[in-house]
Amino acid sequence: MQSQAVQAADAAAGKDLALQWCSSCHLVSEDQATASSVSLPSFYDIAKDPGWTEEKLATFLADPHPIMPSMNLGNIEIANLAAYIGSLAP
């Protein structure tokens, strides 16, 4: 069962965040030409992986791995970003 924050998330706002914070390293949208790191998964690859639910993404983004920049995202922003990634699933 998804939390209320994830259910009410705004994928369009999440795309804006992805373009702002994530696109320098990850391929985050179809209109993005390149990403700086080809070794990192694209958001499309993450969305296709059944292990990455929106809930799991939100939990991860609340405390991302050390290589990621400190984005200091709030719960709504995290839910929006997770919803955007989830919206890319085939």
PDB file of N, CA and C in Angstrom:
ATOM      1  N   MET A   1       0.833  -1.181   0.000  1.00  0.00           N
ATOM      2  CA  MET A   1       0.000   0.000   0.000  1.00  0.00           C
ATOM      3  C   MET A   1       0.879   1.246   0.000  1.00  0.00           C
ATOM      4  N   GLN A   2       0.589   2.189  -0.890  1.00  0.00           N
ATOM      5  CA  GLN A   2       1.398   3.389  -0.995  1.00  0.00           C
ATOM      6  C   GLN A   2       0.987   4.407   0.062  1.00  0.00           C
ATOM      7  N   SER A   3       1.985   5.179   0.522  1.00  0.00           N
ATOM      8  CA  SER A   3       1.679   6.227   1.480  1.00  0.00           C
ATOM      9  C   SER A   3       0.889   7.332   0.796  1.00  0.00           C
ATOM     10  N   GLN A   4       0.225   8.184   1.583  1.00  0.00           N
ATOM     11  CA  GLN A   4      -0.560   9.266   1.016  1.00  0.00           C
ATOM     12  C   GLN A   4       0.314  10.232   0.234  1.00  0.00           C
ATOM     13  N   ALA A   5       1.544  10.482   0.691  1.00  0.00           N
ATOM     14  CA  ALA A   5       2.435  11.401  -0.014  1.00  0.00           C
ATOM     15  C   ALA A   5       2.748  10.888  -1.411  1.00  0.00           C
ATOM     16  N   VAL A   6       3.022   9.589  -1.534  1.00  0.00           N
ATOM     17  CA  VAL A   6       3.322   9.026  -2.842  1.00  0.00           C
ATOM     18  C   VAL A   6       2.079   9.037  -3.718  1.00  0.00           C
ATOM     19  N   GLN A   7       0.909   8.722  -3.150  1.00  0.00           N
ATOM     20  CA  GLN A   7      -0.322   8.714  -3.931  1.00  0.00           C
ATOM     21  C   GLN A   7      -0.649  10.096  -4.470  1.00  0.00           C
ATOM     22  N   ALA A   8      -0.371  11.149  -3.728  1.00  0.00           N
ATOM     23  CA  ALA A   8      -0.721  12.502  -4.123  1.00  0.00           C
ATOM     24  C   ALA A   8       0.403  13.196  -4.885  1.00  0.00           C
ATOM     25  N   ALA A   9       1.442  12.477  -5.219  1.00  0.00           N
ATOM     26  CA  ALA A   9       2.614  13.065  -5.846  1.00  0.00           C
ATOM     27  C   ALA A   9       2.311  13.588  -7.241  1.00  0.00           C
ATOM     28  N   ASP A  10       3.100  14.573  -7.653  1.00  0.00           N
ATOM     29  CA  ASP A  10       2.964  15.242  -8.942  1.00  0.00           C
ATOM     30  C   ASP A  10       4.165  14.875  -9.815  1.00  0.00           C
ATOM     31  N   ALA A  11       3.953  13.966 -10.766  1.00  0.00           N
ATOM     32  CA  ALA A  11       5.043  13.493 -11.621  1.00  0.00           C
ATOM     33  C   ALA A  11       5.640  14.621 -12.460  1.00  0.00           C
ATOM     34  N   ALA A  12       4.825  15.582 -12.904  1.00  0.00           N
ATOM     35  CA  ALA A  12       5.342  16.706 -13.709  1.00  0.00           C
ATOM     36  C   ALA A  12       6.308  17.555 -12.885  1.00  0.00           C
ATOM     37  N   ALA A  13       5.963  17.788 -11.623  1.00  0.00           N
ATOM     38  CA  ALA A  13       6.872  18.522 -10.739  1.00  0.00           C
ATOM     39  C   ALA A  13       8.134  17.698 -10.487  1.00  0.00           C
ATOM     40  N   GLY A  14       7.971  16.374 -10.425  1.00  0.00           N
ATOM     41  CA  GLY A  14       9.120  15.485 -10.260  1.00  0.00           C
ATOM     42  C   GLY A  14      10.059  15.545 -11.442  1.00  0.00           C
ATOM     43  N   LYS A  15       9.503  15.675 -12.645  1.00  0.00           N
ATOM     44  CA  LYS A  15      10.354  15.799 -13.835  1.00  0.00           C
ATOM     45  C   LYS A  15      11.174  17.078 -13.759  1.00  0.00           C
ATOM     46  N   ASP A  16      10.558  18.173 -13.319  1.00  0.00           N
ATOM     47  CA  ASP A  16      11.298  19.427 -13.168  1.00  0.00           C
ATOM     48  C   ASP A  16      12.458  19.259 -12.195  1.00  0.00           C
ATOM     49  N   LEU A  17      12.208  18.565 -11.081  1.00  0.00           N
ATOM     50  CA  LEU A  17      13.277  18.300 -10.111  1.00  0.00           C
ATOM     51  C   LEU A  17      14.365  17.432 -10.722  1.00  0.00           C
ATOM     52  N   ALA A  18      13.955  16.410 -11.473  1.00  0.00           N
ATOM     53  CA  ALA A  18      14.932  15.507 -12.097  1.00  0.00           C
ATOM     54  C   ALA A  18      15.824  16.271 -13.063  1.00  0.00           C
ATOM     55  N   LEU A  19      15.225  17.151 -13.841  1.00  0.00           N
ATOM     56  CA  LEU A  19      16.019  17.936 -14.782  1.00  0.00           C
ATOM     57  C   LEU A  19      16.958  18.879 -14.042  1.00  0.00           C
ATOM     58  N   GLN A  20      16.518  19.409 -12.922  1.00  0.00           N
ATOM     59  CA  GLN A  20      17.338  20.336 -12.142  1.00  0.00           C
ATOM     60  C   GLN A  20      18.461  19.620 -11.398  1.00  0.00           C
ATOM     61  N   TRP A  21      18.141  18.519 -10.701  1.00  0.00           N
ATOM     62  CA  TRP A  21      19.093  17.902  -9.797  1.00  0.00           C
ATOM     63  C   TRP A  21      19.778  16.646 -10.323  1.00  0.00           C
ATOM     64  N   CYS A  22      19.147  15.917 -11.204  1.00  0.00           N
ATOM     65  CA  CYS A  22      19.629  14.577 -11.538  1.00  0.00           C
ATOM     66  C   CYS A  22      20.222  14.452 -12.939  1.00  0.00           C
ATOM     67  N   SER A  23      19.847  15.348 -13.835  1.00  0.00           N
ATOM     68  CA  SER A  23      20.210  15.186 -15.240  1.00  0.00           C
ATOM     69  C   SER A  23      21.690  15.386 -15.523  1.00  0.00           C
ATOM     70  N   SER A  24      22.434  15.947 -14.599  1.00  0.00           N
ATOM     71  CA  SER A  24      23.868  16.084 -14.844  1.00  0.00           C
ATOM     72  C   SER A  24      24.569  14.732 -14.786  1.00  0.00           C
ATOM     73  N   CYS A  25      23.985  13.763 -14.093  1.00  0.00           N
ATOM     74  CA  CYS A  25      24.591  12.435 -13.986  1.00  0.00           C
ATOM     75  C   CYS A  25      23.751  11.336 -14.635  1.00  0.00           C
ATOM     76  N   HIS A  26      22.419  11.422 -14.503  1.00  0.00           N
ATOM     77  CA  HIS A  26      21.509  10.393 -15.015  1.00  0.00           C
ATOM     78  C   HIS A  26      20.767  10.889 -16.255  1.00  0.00           C
ATOM     79  N   LEU A  27      20.441   9.982 -17.145  1.00  0.00           N
ATOM     80  CA  LEU A  27      19.518  10.292 -18.233  1.00  0.00           C
ATOM     81  C   LEU A  27      18.128  10.239 -17.616  1.00  0.00           C
ATOM     82  N   VAL A  28      17.419  11.380 -17.606  1.00  0.00           N
ATOM     83  CA  VAL A  28      16.156  11.455 -16.884  1.00  0.00           C
ATOM     84  C   VAL A  28      14.938  11.694 -17.773  1.00  0.00           C
ATOM     85  N   SER A  29      15.143  12.089 -19.026  1.00  0.00           N
ATOM     86  CA  SER A  29      13.994  12.326 -19.907  1.00  0.00           C
ATOM     87  C   SER A  29      14.385  12.074 -21.352  1.00  0.00           C
ATOM     88  N   GLU A  30      13.374  11.818 -22.160  1.00  0.00           N
ATOM     89  CA  GLU A  30      13.638  11.502 -23.570  1.00  0.00           C
ATOM     90  C   GLU A  30      14.163  12.694 -24.349  1.00  0.00           C
ATOM     91  N   ASP A  31      13.947  13.900 -23.867  1.00  0.00           N
ATOM     92  CA  ASP A  31      14.455  15.073 -24.572  1.00  0.00           C
ATOM     93  C   ASP A  31      15.848  15.493 -24.105  1.00  0.00           C
ATOM     94  N   GLN A  32      16.459  14.694 -23.253  1.00  0.00           N
ATOM     95  CA  GLN A  32      17.817  14.951 -22.782  1.00  0.00           C
ATOM     96  C   GLN A  32      18.788  14.236 -23.710  1.00  0.00           C
ATOM     97  N   ALA A  33      19.734  14.963 -24.266  1.00  0.00           N
ATOM     98  CA  ALA A  33      20.671  14.380 -25.231  1.00  0.00           C
ATOM     99  C   ALA A  33      21.637  13.393 -24.579  1.00  0.00           C
ATOM    100  N   THR A  34      22.266  13.793 -23.490  1.00  0.00           N
ATOM    101  CA  THR A  34      23.252  12.935 -22.831  1.00  0.00           C
ATOM    102  C   THR A  34      23.261  13.179 -21.331  1.00  0.00           C
ATOM    103  N   ALA A  35      23.905  12.276 -20.637  1.00  0.00           N
ATOM    104  CA  ALA A  35      24.174  12.428 -19.208  1.00  0.00           C
ATOM    105  C   ALA A  35      25.681  12.324 -19.034  1.00  0.00           C
ATOM    106  N   SER A  36      26.201  12.875 -17.965  1.00  0.00           N
ATOM    107  CA  SER A  36      27.655  12.888 -17.800  1.00  0.00           C
ATOM    108  C   SER A  36      28.224  11.519 -17.460  1.00  0.00           C
ATOM    109  N   SER A  37      27.407  10.634 -16.954  1.00  0.00           N
ATOM    110  CA  SER A  37      27.899   9.315 -16.570  1.00  0.00           C
ATOM    111  C   SER A  37      27.097   8.226 -17.264  1.00  0.00           C
ATOM    112  N   VAL A  38      27.754   7.502 -18.136  1.00  0.00           N
ATOM    113  CA  VAL A  38      27.070   6.393 -18.806  1.00  0.00           C
ATOM    114  C   VAL A  38      27.019   5.157 -17.916  1.00  0.00           C
ATOM    115  N   SER A  39      27.773   5.164 -16.807  1.00  0.00           N
ATOM    116  CA  SER A  39      27.777   4.004 -15.917  1.00  0.00           C
ATOM    117  C   SER A  39      26.598   4.009 -14.944  1.00  0.00           C
ATOM    118  N   LEU A  40      25.939   5.137 -14.791  1.00  0.00           N
ATOM    119  CA  LEU A  40      24.790   5.210 -13.886  1.00  0.00           C
ATOM    120  C   LEU A  40      23.520   4.825 -14.634  1.00  0.00           C
ATOM    121  N   PRO A  41      22.572   4.217 -13.939  1.00  0.00           N
ATOM    122  CA  PRO A  41      21.334   3.827 -14.615  1.00  0.00           C
ATOM    123  C   PRO A  41      20.513   5.047 -15.014  1.00  0.00           C
ATOM    124  N   SER A  42      19.861   4.939 -16.156  1.00  0.00           N
ATOM    125  CA  SER A  42      18.925   5.995 -16.540  1.00  0.00           C
ATOM    126  C   SER A  42      17.680   5.858 -15.675  1.00  0.00           C
ATOM    127  N   PHE A  43      16.870   6.890 -15.630  1.00  0.00           N
ATOM    128  CA  PHE A  43      15.614   6.809 -14.890  1.00  0.00           C
ATOM    129  C   PHE A  43      14.688   5.789 -15.539  1.00  0.00           C
ATOM    130  N   TYR A  44      14.842   5.572 -16.838  1.00  0.00           N
ATOM    131  CA  TYR A  44      14.037   4.563 -17.536  1.00  0.00           C
ATOM    132  C   TYR A  44      14.422   3.160 -17.063  1.00  0.00           C
ATOM    133  N   ASP A  45      15.729   2.928 -16.878  1.00  0.00           N
ATOM    134  CA  ASP A  45      16.189   1.633 -16.369  1.00  0.00           C
ATOM    135  C   ASP A  45      15.688   1.396 -14.953  1.00  0.00           C
ATOM    136  N   ILE A  46      15.732   2.427 -14.134  1.00  0.00           N
ATOM    137  CA  ILE A  46      15.244   2.302 -12.760  1.00  0.00           C
ATOM    138  C   ILE A  46      13.747   2.007 -12.771  1.00  0.00           C
ATOM    139  N   ALA A  47      13.010   2.703 -13.619  1.00  0.00           N
ATOM    140  CA  ALA A  47      11.548   2.528 -13.690  1.00  0.00           C
ATOM    141  C   ALA A  47      11.175   1.122 -14.154  1.00  0.00           C
ATOM    142  N   LYS A  48      11.993   0.510 -15.004  1.00  0.00           N
ATOM    143  CA  LYS A  48      11.704  -0.841 -15.501  1.00  0.00           C
ATOM    144  C   LYS A  48      11.988  -1.914 -14.464  1.00  0.00           C
ATOM    145  N   ASP A  49      12.817  -1.616 -13.478  1.00  0.00           N
ATOM    146  CA  ASP A  49      13.210  -2.590 -12.463  1.00  0.00           C
ATOM    147  C   ASP A  49      12.073  -2.748 -11.453  1.00  0.00           C
ATOM    148  N   PRO A  50      11.441  -3.919 -11.385  1.00  0.00           N
ATOM    149  CA  PRO A  50      10.314  -4.095 -10.463  1.00  0.00           C
ATOM    150  C   PRO A  50      10.701  -3.949  -8.986  1.00  0.00           C
ATOM    151  N   GLY A  51      11.969  -4.010  -8.678  1.00  0.00           N
ATOM    152  CA  GLY A  51      12.419  -3.838  -7.307  1.00  0.00           C
ATOM    153  C   GLY A  51      12.368  -2.391  -6.832  1.00  0.00           C
ATOM    154  N   TRP A  52      12.269  -1.453  -7.773  1.00  0.00           N
ATOM    155  CA  TRP A  52      12.232  -0.041  -7.421  1.00  0.00           C
ATOM    156  C   TRP A  52      10.800   0.487  -7.504  1.00  0.00           C
ATOM    157  N   THR A  53      10.037   0.266  -6.471  1.00  0.00           N
ATOM    158  CA  THR A  53       8.691   0.821  -6.389  1.00  0.00           C
ATOM    159  C   THR A  53       8.800   2.305  -6.038  1.00  0.00           C
ATOM    160  N   GLU A  54       7.706   3.035  -6.193  1.00  0.00           N
ATOM    161  CA  GLU A  54       7.736   4.451  -5.818  1.00  0.00           C
ATOM    162  C   GLU A  54       8.035   4.612  -4.331  1.00  0.00           C
ATOM    163  N   GLU A  55       7.503   3.717  -3.511  1.00  0.00           N
ATOM    164  CA  GLU A  55       7.785   3.762  -2.068  1.00  0.00           C
ATOM    165  C   GLU A  55       9.279   3.559  -1.795  1.00  0.00           C
ATOM    166  N   LYS A  56       9.876   2.579  -2.461  1.00  0.00           N
ATOM    167  CA  LYS A  56      11.297   2.297  -2.247  1.00  0.00           C
ATOM    168  C   LYS A  56      12.151   3.460  -2.761  1.00  0.00           C
ATOM    169  N   LEU A  57      11.769   4.036  -3.896  1.00  0.00           N
ATOM    170  CA  LEU A  57      12.489   5.195  -4.413  1.00  0.00           C
ATOM    171  C   LEU A  57      12.410   6.363  -3.434  1.00  0.00           C
ATOM    172  N   ALA A  58      11.227   6.611  -2.896  1.00  0.00           N
ATOM    173  CA  ALA A  58      11.053   7.709  -1.943  1.00  0.00           C
ATOM    174  C   ALA A  58      11.923   7.492  -0.712  1.00  0.00           C
ATOM    175  N   THR A  59      11.979   6.273  -0.219  1.00  0.00           N
ATOM    176  CA  THR A  59      12.815   5.958   0.940  1.00  0.00           C
ATOM    177  C   THR A  59      14.283   6.185   0.613  1.00  0.00           C
ATOM    178  N   PHE A  60      14.711   5.728  -0.567  1.00  0.00           N
ATOM    179  CA  PHE A  60      16.098   5.911  -0.993  1.00  0.00           C
ATOM    180  C   PHE A  60      16.439   7.396  -1.126  1.00  0.00           C
ATOM    181  N   LEU A  61      15.545   8.160  -1.752  1.00  0.00           N
ATOM    182  CA  LEU A  61      15.818   9.574  -1.991  1.00  0.00           C
ATOM    183  C   LEU A  61      15.846  10.391  -0.705  1.00  0.00           C
ATOM    184  N   ALA A  62      15.198   9.897   0.341  1.00  0.00           N
ATOM    185  CA  ALA A  62      15.235  10.584   1.631  1.00  0.00           C
ATOM    186  C   ALA A  62      16.630  10.506   2.256  1.00  0.00           C
ATOM    187  N   ASP A  63      17.394   9.482   1.896  1.00  0.00           N
ATOM    188  CA  ASP A  63      18.750   9.304   2.411  1.00  0.00           C
ATOM    189  C   ASP A  63      19.600   8.671   1.306  1.00  0.00           C
ATOM    190  N   PRO A  64      19.925   9.459   0.254  1.00  0.00           N
ATOM    191  CA  PRO A  64      20.616   8.896  -0.910  1.00  0.00           C
ATOM    192  C   PRO A  64      22.056   8.491  -0.606  1.00  0.00           C
ATOM    193  N   HIS A  65      22.618   7.720  -1.519  1.00  0.00           N
ATOM    194  CA  HIS A  65      23.997   7.261  -1.334  1.00  0.00           C
ATOM    195  C   HIS A  65      24.959   8.444  -1.352  1.00  0.00           C
ATOM    196  N   PRO A  66      26.152   8.287  -0.779  1.00  0.00           N
ATOM    197  CA  PRO A  66      27.075   9.410  -0.594  1.00  0.00           C
ATOM    198  C   PRO A  66      27.540  10.109  -1.872  1.00  0.00           C
ATOM    199  N   ILE A  67      27.549   9.440  -2.986  1.00  0.00           N
ATOM    200  CA  ILE A  67      28.037  10.054  -4.218  1.00  0.00           C
ATOM    201  C   ILE A  67      27.052  11.110  -4.728  1.00  0.00           C
ATOM    202  N   MET A  68      25.789  10.962  -4.387  1.00  0.00           N
ATOM    203  CA  MET A  68      24.791  11.917  -4.846  1.00  0.00           C
ATOM    204  C   MET A  68      24.951  13.232  -4.100  1.00  0.00           C
ATOM    205  N   PRO A  69      24.639  14.348  -4.761  1.00  0.00           N
ATOM    206  CA  PRO A  69      24.732  15.640  -4.065  1.00  0.00           C
ATOM    207  C   PRO A  69      23.681  15.733  -2.957  1.00  0.00           C
ATOM    208  N   SER A  70      23.958  16.554  -1.993  1.00  0.00           N
ATOM    209  CA  SER A  70      22.999  16.774  -0.924  1.00  0.00           C
ATOM    210  C   SER A  70      21.908  17.700  -1.454  1.00  0.00           C
ATOM    211  N   MET A  71      20.771  17.124  -1.798  1.00  0.00           N
ATOM    212  CA  MET A  71      19.708  17.893  -2.420  1.00  0.00           C
ATOM    213  C   MET A  71      18.771  18.502  -1.392  1.00  0.00           C
ATOM    214  N   ASN A  72      18.760  17.977  -0.178  1.00  0.00           N
ATOM    215  CA  ASN A  72      17.880  18.470   0.879  1.00  0.00           C
ATOM    216  C   ASN A  72      16.440  18.609   0.409  1.00  0.00           C
ATOM    217  N   LEU A  73      15.912  17.551  -0.186  1.00  0.00           N
ATOM    218  CA  LEU A  73      14.541  17.561  -0.673  1.00  0.00           C
ATOM    219  C   LEU A  73      13.567  17.293   0.458  1.00  0.00           C
ATOM    220  N   GLY A  74      12.423  17.959   0.420  1.00  0.00           N
ATOM    221  CA  GLY A  74      11.369  17.707   1.376  1.00  0.00           C
ATOM    222  C   GLY A  74      10.555  16.487   0.964  1.00  0.00           C
ATOM    223  N   ASN A  75       9.641  16.058   1.824  1.00  0.00           N
ATOM    224  CA  ASN A  75       8.842  14.862   1.550  1.00  0.00           C
ATOM    225  C   ASN A  75       8.022  14.980   0.272  1.00  0.00           C
ATOM    226  N   ILE A  76       7.446  16.141   0.012  1.00  0.00           N
ATOM    227  CA  ILE A  76       6.644  16.324  -1.199  1.00  0.00           C
ATOM    228  C   ILE A  76       7.538  16.238  -2.437  1.00  0.00           C
ATOM    229  N   GLU A  77       8.695  16.870  -2.394  1.00  0.00           N
ATOM    230  CA  GLU A  77       9.623  16.817  -3.527  1.00  0.00           C
ATOM    231  C   GLU A  77      10.097  15.386  -3.770  1.00  0.00           C
ATOM    232  N   ILE A  78      10.386  14.670  -2.711  1.00  0.00           N
ATOM    233  CA  ILE A  78      10.804  13.274  -2.837  1.00  0.00           C
ATOM    234  C   ILE A  78       9.691  12.450  -3.466  1.00  0.00           C
ATOM    235  N   ALA A  79       8.469  12.637  -2.996  1.00  0.00           N
ATOM    236  CA  ALA A  79       7.337  11.900  -3.560  1.00  0.00           C
ATOM    237  C   ALA A  79       7.132  12.258  -5.030  1.00  0.00           C
ATOM    238  N   ASN A  80       7.295  13.528  -5.377  1.00  0.00           N
ATOM    239  CA  ASN A  80       7.146  13.954  -6.772  1.00  0.00           C
ATOM    240  C   ASN A  80       8.216  13.315  -7.655  1.00  0.00           C
ATOM    241  N   LEU A  81       9.437  13.290  -7.186  1.00  0.00           N
ATOM    242  CA  LEU A  81      10.525  12.689  -7.952  1.00  0.00           C
ATOM    243  C   LEU A  81      10.308  11.190  -8.120  1.00  0.00           C
ATOM    244  N   ALA A  82       9.901  10.521  -7.054  1.00  0.00           N
ATOM    245  CA  ALA A  82       9.609   9.085  -7.132  1.00  0.00           C
ATOM    246  C   ALA A  82       8.446   8.829  -8.093  1.00  0.00           C
ATOM    247  N   ALA A  83       7.429   9.690  -8.075  1.00  0.00           N
ATOM    248  CA  ALA A  83       6.291   9.536  -8.980  1.00  0.00           C
ATOM    249  C   ALA A  83       6.718   9.718 -10.427  1.00  0.00           C
ATOM    250  N   TYR A  84       7.624  10.670 -10.673  1.00  0.00           N
ATOM    251  CA  TYR A  84       8.111  10.872 -12.045  1.00  0.00           C
ATOM    252  C   TYR A  84       8.859   9.633 -12.533  1.00  0.00           C
ATOM    253  N   ILE A  85       9.752   9.117 -11.710  1.00  0.00           N
ATOM    254  CA  ILE A  85      10.495   7.917 -12.115  1.00  0.00           C
ATOM    255  C   ILE A  85       9.504   6.771 -12.349  1.00  0.00           C
ATOM    256  N   GLY A  86       8.554   6.611 -11.448  1.00  0.00           N
ATOM    257  CA  GLY A  86       7.548   5.563 -11.621  1.00  0.00           C
ATOM    258  C   GLY A  86       6.727   5.727 -12.888  1.00  0.00           C
ATOM    259  N   SER A  87       6.513   6.971 -13.305  1.00  0.00           N
ATOM    260  CA  SER A  87       5.723   7.220 -14.522  1.00  0.00           C
ATOM    261  C   SER A  87       6.440   6.793 -15.796  1.00  0.00           C
ATOM    262  N   LEU A  88       7.734   6.554 -15.690  1.00  0.00           N
ATOM    263  CA  LEU A  88       8.523   6.156 -16.868  1.00  0.00           C
ATOM    264  C   LEU A  88       8.478   4.655 -17.128  1.00  0.00           C
ATOM    265  N   ALA A  89       7.866   3.914 -16.230  1.00  0.00           N
ATOM    266  CA  ALA A  89       7.783   2.451 -16.398  1.00  0.00           C
ATOM    267  C   ALA A  89       6.997   2.112 -17.652  1.00  0.00           C
ATOM    268  N   PRO A  90       7.448   1.076 -18.367  1.00  0.00           N
ATOM    269  CA  PRO A  90       6.746   0.691 -19.602  1.00  0.00           C
ATOM    270  C   PRO A  90       5.359   0.140 -19.323  1.00  0.00           C
TER     271      PRO A  90
END
